[in-house]
Amino acid sequence: MFPEGTLYTTNFATMHKSCPCCGQVFEPEVGYYYGAMYVSFAFNVAIFLVSLFILYQFVEEVTMAMMIGVVAVTVIGFLPVIFRLSRAIWISIFVRYEGPGSQIPKK
């Protein structure tokens, strides 16, 4: 879905127009990936909960500033990964992969 070697660059959001294997268009309609924000939100909630659990294991008193700092650093560090993963999950919910274009039976 994404060009190789662009994960931690400024253009991490750049996508191919279509799949080189099967020809599936990666943006079927304008605004298609707005729903991927919900998937991203779920990842960020999971990061928050895991961070909270880890902090409670190692720190006697967890402050709000400590929690915000840990979550902010983690989320910003994983931003390109979460962005790409949420888009890949979102399109896989609605578009089923049927294999290479040469092997898909014509209807």
N, C-alpha and C. Protein backbone atom coordinates (compact mmCIF):
# COMPACT_ATOMS: atom_id res chain seq x y z
N MET A 1 0.81 -1.20 0.00
CA MET A 1 0.00 0.00 0.00
C MET A 1 0.86 1.27 0.00
N PHE A 2 2.00 1.20 0.65
CA PHE A 2 2.85 2.37 0.81
C PHE A 2 4.20 2.13 0.13
N PRO A 3 4.80 3.20 -0.41
CA PRO A 3 6.11 3.04 -1.05
C PRO A 3 7.16 2.57 -0.04
N GLU A 4 8.07 1.75 -0.50
CA GLU A 4 9.10 1.21 0.37
C GLU A 4 10.07 2.31 0.80
N GLY A 5 10.51 2.24 2.05
CA GLY A 5 11.50 3.17 2.55
C GLY A 5 10.97 4.53 2.97
N THR A 6 9.65 4.66 3.14
CA THR A 6 9.08 5.95 3.52
C THR A 6 8.44 5.94 4.90
N LEU A 7 8.71 4.93 5.71
CA LEU A 7 8.02 4.82 6.99
C LEU A 7 8.34 5.98 7.92
N TYR A 8 9.59 6.22 8.22
CA TYR A 8 9.95 7.31 9.11
C TYR A 8 10.55 8.48 8.34
N THR A 9 9.83 8.95 7.33
CA THR A 9 10.19 10.15 6.59
C THR A 9 9.00 11.11 6.66
N THR A 10 9.18 12.30 6.09
CA THR A 10 8.09 13.27 6.14
C THR A 10 6.92 12.90 5.24
N ASN A 11 7.12 12.01 4.31
CA ASN A 11 6.02 11.59 3.44
C ASN A 11 5.56 10.17 3.76
N PHE A 12 5.42 9.87 5.05
CA PHE A 12 4.99 8.52 5.46
C PHE A 12 3.54 8.25 5.07
N ALA A 13 2.76 9.29 4.77
CA ALA A 13 1.36 9.10 4.41
C ALA A 13 1.14 8.87 2.92
N THR A 14 2.20 8.91 2.13
CA THR A 14 2.07 8.70 0.69
C THR A 14 1.69 7.26 0.40
N MET A 15 0.67 7.08 -0.43
CA MET A 15 0.20 5.75 -0.79
C MET A 15 0.30 5.56 -2.29
N HIS A 16 0.43 4.29 -2.70
CA HIS A 16 0.32 3.97 -4.12
C HIS A 16 -1.12 4.23 -4.56
N LYS A 17 -1.31 4.54 -5.82
CA LYS A 17 -2.67 4.75 -6.35
C LYS A 17 -3.47 3.44 -6.37
N SER A 18 -2.77 2.35 -6.71
CA SER A 18 -3.43 1.05 -6.75
C SER A 18 -2.42 -0.04 -6.40
N CYS A 19 -2.94 -1.22 -6.11
CA CYS A 19 -2.10 -2.34 -5.72
C CYS A 19 -1.33 -2.86 -6.93
N PRO A 20 0.00 -3.00 -6.81
CA PRO A 20 0.76 -3.51 -7.94
C PRO A 20 0.48 -4.99 -8.22
N CYS A 21 -0.07 -5.70 -7.25
CA CYS A 21 -0.33 -7.13 -7.41
C CYS A 21 -1.69 -7.41 -8.05
N CYS A 22 -2.74 -6.80 -7.49
CA CYS A 22 -4.09 -7.13 -7.98
C CYS A 22 -4.79 -5.98 -8.66
N GLY A 23 -4.24 -4.77 -8.58
CA GLY A 23 -4.85 -3.63 -9.25
C GLY A 23 -5.93 -2.92 -8.46
N GLN A 24 -6.18 -3.33 -7.22
CA GLN A 24 -7.19 -2.69 -6.38
C GLN A 24 -6.83 -1.23 -6.15
N VAL A 25 -7.78 -0.33 -6.39
CA VAL A 25 -7.58 1.09 -6.15
C VAL A 25 -7.60 1.30 -4.63
N PHE A 26 -6.59 2.02 -4.11
CA PHE A 26 -6.48 2.18 -2.67
C PHE A 26 -7.35 3.31 -2.11
N GLU A 27 -7.90 4.16 -2.96
CA GLU A 27 -8.85 5.16 -2.48
C GLU A 27 -10.10 5.08 -3.33
N PRO A 28 -11.02 4.16 -2.96
CA PRO A 28 -12.21 3.93 -3.77
C PRO A 28 -13.10 5.17 -3.90
N GLU A 29 -13.10 6.04 -2.89
CA GLU A 29 -13.89 7.26 -2.95
C GLU A 29 -13.21 8.33 -2.10
N VAL A 30 -13.60 9.57 -2.31
CA VAL A 30 -13.02 10.67 -1.56
C VAL A 30 -13.40 10.53 -0.08
N GLY A 31 -12.44 10.68 0.79
CA GLY A 31 -12.71 10.58 2.22
C GLY A 31 -12.86 9.17 2.73
N TYR A 32 -12.43 8.21 1.96
CA TYR A 32 -12.62 6.80 2.33
C TYR A 32 -11.97 6.46 3.67
N TYR A 33 -10.82 7.05 3.96
CA TYR A 33 -10.08 6.65 5.15
C TYR A 33 -10.44 7.45 6.40
N TYR A 34 -11.52 8.22 6.38
CA TYR A 34 -11.94 8.89 7.61
C TYR A 34 -12.28 7.88 8.69
N GLY A 35 -12.80 6.76 8.32
CA GLY A 35 -13.13 5.71 9.28
C GLY A 35 -11.90 5.10 9.92
N ALA A 36 -10.75 5.22 9.26
CA ALA A 36 -9.51 4.68 9.83
C ALA A 36 -9.12 5.44 11.09
N MET A 37 -9.69 6.63 11.29
CA MET A 37 -9.41 7.37 12.52
C MET A 37 -9.94 6.62 13.73
N TYR A 38 -11.03 5.89 13.57
CA TYR A 38 -11.58 5.11 14.69
C TYR A 38 -10.64 3.95 15.03
N VAL A 39 -10.05 3.35 14.03
CA VAL A 39 -9.08 2.28 14.26
C VAL A 39 -7.86 2.86 14.96
N SER A 40 -7.41 4.02 14.51
CA SER A 40 -6.28 4.69 15.12
C SER A 40 -6.59 5.06 16.58
N PHE A 41 -7.80 5.51 16.82
CA PHE A 41 -8.22 5.83 18.18
C PHE A 41 -8.15 4.60 19.08
N ALA A 42 -8.56 3.46 18.57
CA ALA A 42 -8.50 2.22 19.36
C ALA A 42 -7.05 1.87 19.69
N PHE A 43 -6.14 2.05 18.73
CA PHE A 43 -4.72 1.81 19.02
C PHE A 43 -4.20 2.77 20.09
N ASN A 44 -4.61 4.03 20.01
CA ASN A 44 -4.14 5.01 20.98
C ASN A 44 -4.70 4.74 22.38
N VAL A 45 -5.93 4.28 22.47
CA VAL A 45 -6.50 3.89 23.76
C VAL A 45 -5.73 2.71 24.33
N ALA A 46 -5.39 1.76 23.48
CA ALA A 46 -4.60 0.61 23.94
C ALA A 46 -3.22 1.06 24.43
N ILE A 47 -2.60 2.00 23.72
CA ILE A 47 -1.31 2.53 24.16
C ILE A 47 -1.44 3.21 25.51
N PHE A 48 -2.51 3.96 25.71
CA PHE A 48 -2.74 4.62 26.99
C PHE A 48 -2.89 3.60 28.12
N LEU A 49 -3.69 2.58 27.89
CA LEU A 49 -3.93 1.58 28.94
C LEU A 49 -2.67 0.79 29.27
N VAL A 50 -1.91 0.41 28.26
CA VAL A 50 -0.67 -0.32 28.49
C VAL A 50 0.34 0.57 29.22
N SER A 51 0.41 1.83 28.82
CA SER A 51 1.32 2.77 29.49
C SER A 51 0.94 2.96 30.95
N LEU A 52 -0.35 3.08 31.20
CA LEU A 52 -0.83 3.23 32.58
C LEU A 52 -0.49 2.01 33.42
N PHE A 53 -0.70 0.84 32.86
CA PHE A 53 -0.38 -0.40 33.58
C PHE A 53 1.11 -0.49 33.88
N ILE A 54 1.95 -0.19 32.89
CA ILE A 54 3.41 -0.26 33.09
C ILE A 54 3.87 0.76 34.12
N LEU A 55 3.32 1.97 34.05
CA LEU A 55 3.70 2.99 35.03
C LEU A 55 3.30 2.58 36.43
N TYR A 56 2.13 2.00 36.58
CA TYR A 56 1.71 1.54 37.92
C TYR A 56 2.60 0.42 38.45
N GLN A 57 3.21 -0.34 37.58
CA GLN A 57 4.10 -1.41 38.02
C GLN A 57 5.44 -0.89 38.51
N PHE A 58 5.92 0.21 37.93
CA PHE A 58 7.27 0.69 38.23
C PHE A 58 7.35 1.99 39.02
N VAL A 59 6.26 2.74 39.09
CA VAL A 59 6.27 4.02 39.78
C VAL A 59 5.27 3.98 40.92
N GLU A 60 5.68 4.52 42.07
CA GLU A 60 4.80 4.48 43.24
C GLU A 60 3.58 5.38 43.06
N GLU A 61 3.81 6.60 42.55
CA GLU A 61 2.70 7.53 42.34
C GLU A 61 2.75 8.04 40.89
N VAL A 62 1.70 7.76 40.15
CA VAL A 62 1.62 8.18 38.75
C VAL A 62 0.91 9.53 38.70
N THR A 63 1.61 10.54 38.18
CA THR A 63 1.01 11.87 38.05
C THR A 63 0.45 12.06 36.65
N MET A 64 -0.39 13.08 36.52
CA MET A 64 -0.99 13.37 35.23
C MET A 64 0.08 13.77 34.22
N ALA A 65 1.03 14.59 34.65
CA ALA A 65 2.10 15.03 33.75
C ALA A 65 2.94 13.84 33.28
N MET A 66 3.20 12.91 34.17
CA MET A 66 3.97 11.71 33.81
C MET A 66 3.21 10.88 32.78
N MET A 67 1.91 10.74 33.00
CA MET A 67 1.10 9.94 32.08
C MET A 67 1.02 10.61 30.71
N ILE A 68 0.79 11.92 30.70
CA ILE A 68 0.73 12.64 29.43
C ILE A 68 2.06 12.55 28.69
N GLY A 69 3.15 12.70 29.40
CA GLY A 69 4.47 12.62 28.78
C GLY A 69 4.75 11.27 28.15
N VAL A 70 4.47 10.23 28.89
CA VAL A 70 4.74 8.87 28.38
C VAL A 70 3.86 8.57 27.17
N VAL A 71 2.58 8.89 27.28
CA VAL A 71 1.66 8.61 26.17
C VAL A 71 2.02 9.46 24.95
N ALA A 72 2.34 10.73 25.16
CA ALA A 72 2.68 11.61 24.03
C ALA A 72 3.93 11.12 23.31
N VAL A 73 4.95 10.77 24.05
CA VAL A 73 6.19 10.29 23.42
C VAL A 73 5.93 8.98 22.66
N THR A 74 5.17 8.09 23.26
CA THR A 74 4.89 6.81 22.62
C THR A 74 4.05 6.97 21.36
N VAL A 75 2.99 7.77 21.45
CA VAL A 75 2.10 7.95 20.31
C VAL A 75 2.82 8.67 19.17
N ILE A 76 3.60 9.70 19.49
CA ILE A 76 4.34 10.41 18.44
C ILE A 76 5.40 9.51 17.82
N GLY A 77 6.03 8.67 18.64
CA GLY A 77 7.03 7.75 18.11
C GLY A 77 6.45 6.70 17.17
N PHE A 78 5.26 6.25 17.48
CA PHE A 78 4.61 5.23 16.66
C PHE A 78 3.62 5.80 15.65
N LEU A 79 3.56 7.12 15.48
CA LEU A 79 2.59 7.74 14.59
C LEU A 79 2.60 7.16 13.18
N PRO A 80 3.73 7.06 12.50
CA PRO A 80 3.69 6.49 11.14
C PRO A 80 3.20 5.05 11.11
N VAL A 81 3.57 4.27 12.10
CA VAL A 81 3.15 2.86 12.15
C VAL A 81 1.65 2.76 12.39
N ILE A 82 1.14 3.54 13.35
CA ILE A 82 -0.29 3.52 13.65
C ILE A 82 -1.10 4.01 12.46
N PHE A 83 -0.62 5.06 11.80
CA PHE A 83 -1.30 5.61 10.64
C PHE A 83 -1.44 4.56 9.55
N ARG A 84 -0.35 3.92 9.21
CA ARG A 84 -0.36 2.92 8.12
C ARG A 84 -1.16 1.68 8.51
N LEU A 85 -0.99 1.23 9.73
CA LEU A 85 -1.71 0.04 10.17
C LEU A 85 -3.21 0.28 10.22
N SER A 86 -3.63 1.45 10.67
CA SER A 86 -5.06 1.73 10.74
C SER A 86 -5.68 1.82 9.34
N ARG A 87 -4.94 2.37 8.38
CA ARG A 87 -5.45 2.41 7.00
C ARG A 87 -5.51 1.01 6.40
N ALA A 88 -4.52 0.19 6.68
CA ALA A 88 -4.52 -1.17 6.14
C ALA A 88 -5.66 -1.99 6.74
N ILE A 89 -5.90 -1.82 8.03
CA ILE A 89 -7.01 -2.54 8.67
C ILE A 89 -8.34 -2.04 8.12
N TRP A 90 -8.47 -0.71 7.95
CA TRP A 90 -9.73 -0.15 7.46
C TRP A 90 -10.08 -0.68 6.07
N ILE A 91 -9.12 -0.71 5.16
CA ILE A 91 -9.43 -1.19 3.81
C ILE A 91 -9.66 -2.70 3.81
N SER A 92 -9.00 -3.42 4.72
CA SER A 92 -9.21 -4.88 4.75
C SER A 92 -10.57 -5.25 5.31
N ILE A 93 -11.22 -4.34 6.03
CA ILE A 93 -12.58 -4.60 6.51
C ILE A 93 -13.56 -4.63 5.35
N PHE A 94 -13.36 -3.74 4.37
CA PHE A 94 -14.34 -3.57 3.30
C PHE A 94 -13.94 -4.18 1.96
N VAL A 95 -12.65 -4.40 1.75
CA VAL A 95 -12.19 -4.94 0.47
C VAL A 95 -11.48 -6.27 0.74
N ARG A 96 -11.99 -7.32 0.15
CA ARG A 96 -11.41 -8.65 0.35
C ARG A 96 -10.33 -8.90 -0.68
N TYR A 97 -9.19 -9.37 -0.22
CA TYR A 97 -8.09 -9.70 -1.13
C TYR A 97 -8.36 -11.06 -1.75
N GLU A 98 -8.34 -11.13 -3.07
CA GLU A 98 -8.64 -12.37 -3.78
C GLU A 98 -7.43 -12.97 -4.47
N GLY A 99 -6.26 -12.41 -4.26
CA GLY A 99 -5.06 -12.93 -4.87
C GLY A 99 -4.58 -12.05 -6.01
N PRO A 100 -3.51 -12.46 -6.66
CA PRO A 100 -3.00 -11.68 -7.79
C PRO A 100 -4.04 -11.56 -8.89
N GLY A 101 -4.00 -10.43 -9.60
CA GLY A 101 -4.98 -10.17 -10.65
C GLY A 101 -5.04 -11.24 -11.72
N SER A 102 -3.93 -11.90 -11.98
CA SER A 102 -3.92 -12.94 -13.01
C SER A 102 -4.62 -14.20 -12.57
N GLN A 103 -4.83 -14.37 -11.25
CA GLN A 103 -5.46 -15.59 -10.74
C GLN A 103 -6.92 -15.39 -10.35
N ILE A 104 -7.43 -14.15 -10.43
CA ILE A 104 -8.81 -13.89 -10.05
C ILE A 104 -9.72 -14.28 -11.22
N PRO A 105 -10.70 -15.14 -10.96
CA PRO A 105 -11.61 -15.53 -12.05
C PRO A 105 -12.45 -14.36 -12.51
N LYS A 106 -12.63 -14.22 -13.80
CA LYS A 106 -13.45 -13.13 -14.36
C LYS A 106 -14.91 -13.47 -14.19
N LYS A 107 -15.70 -12.46 -13.82
CA LYS A 107 -17.13 -12.69 -13.59
C LYS A 107 -17.96 -12.23 -14.74
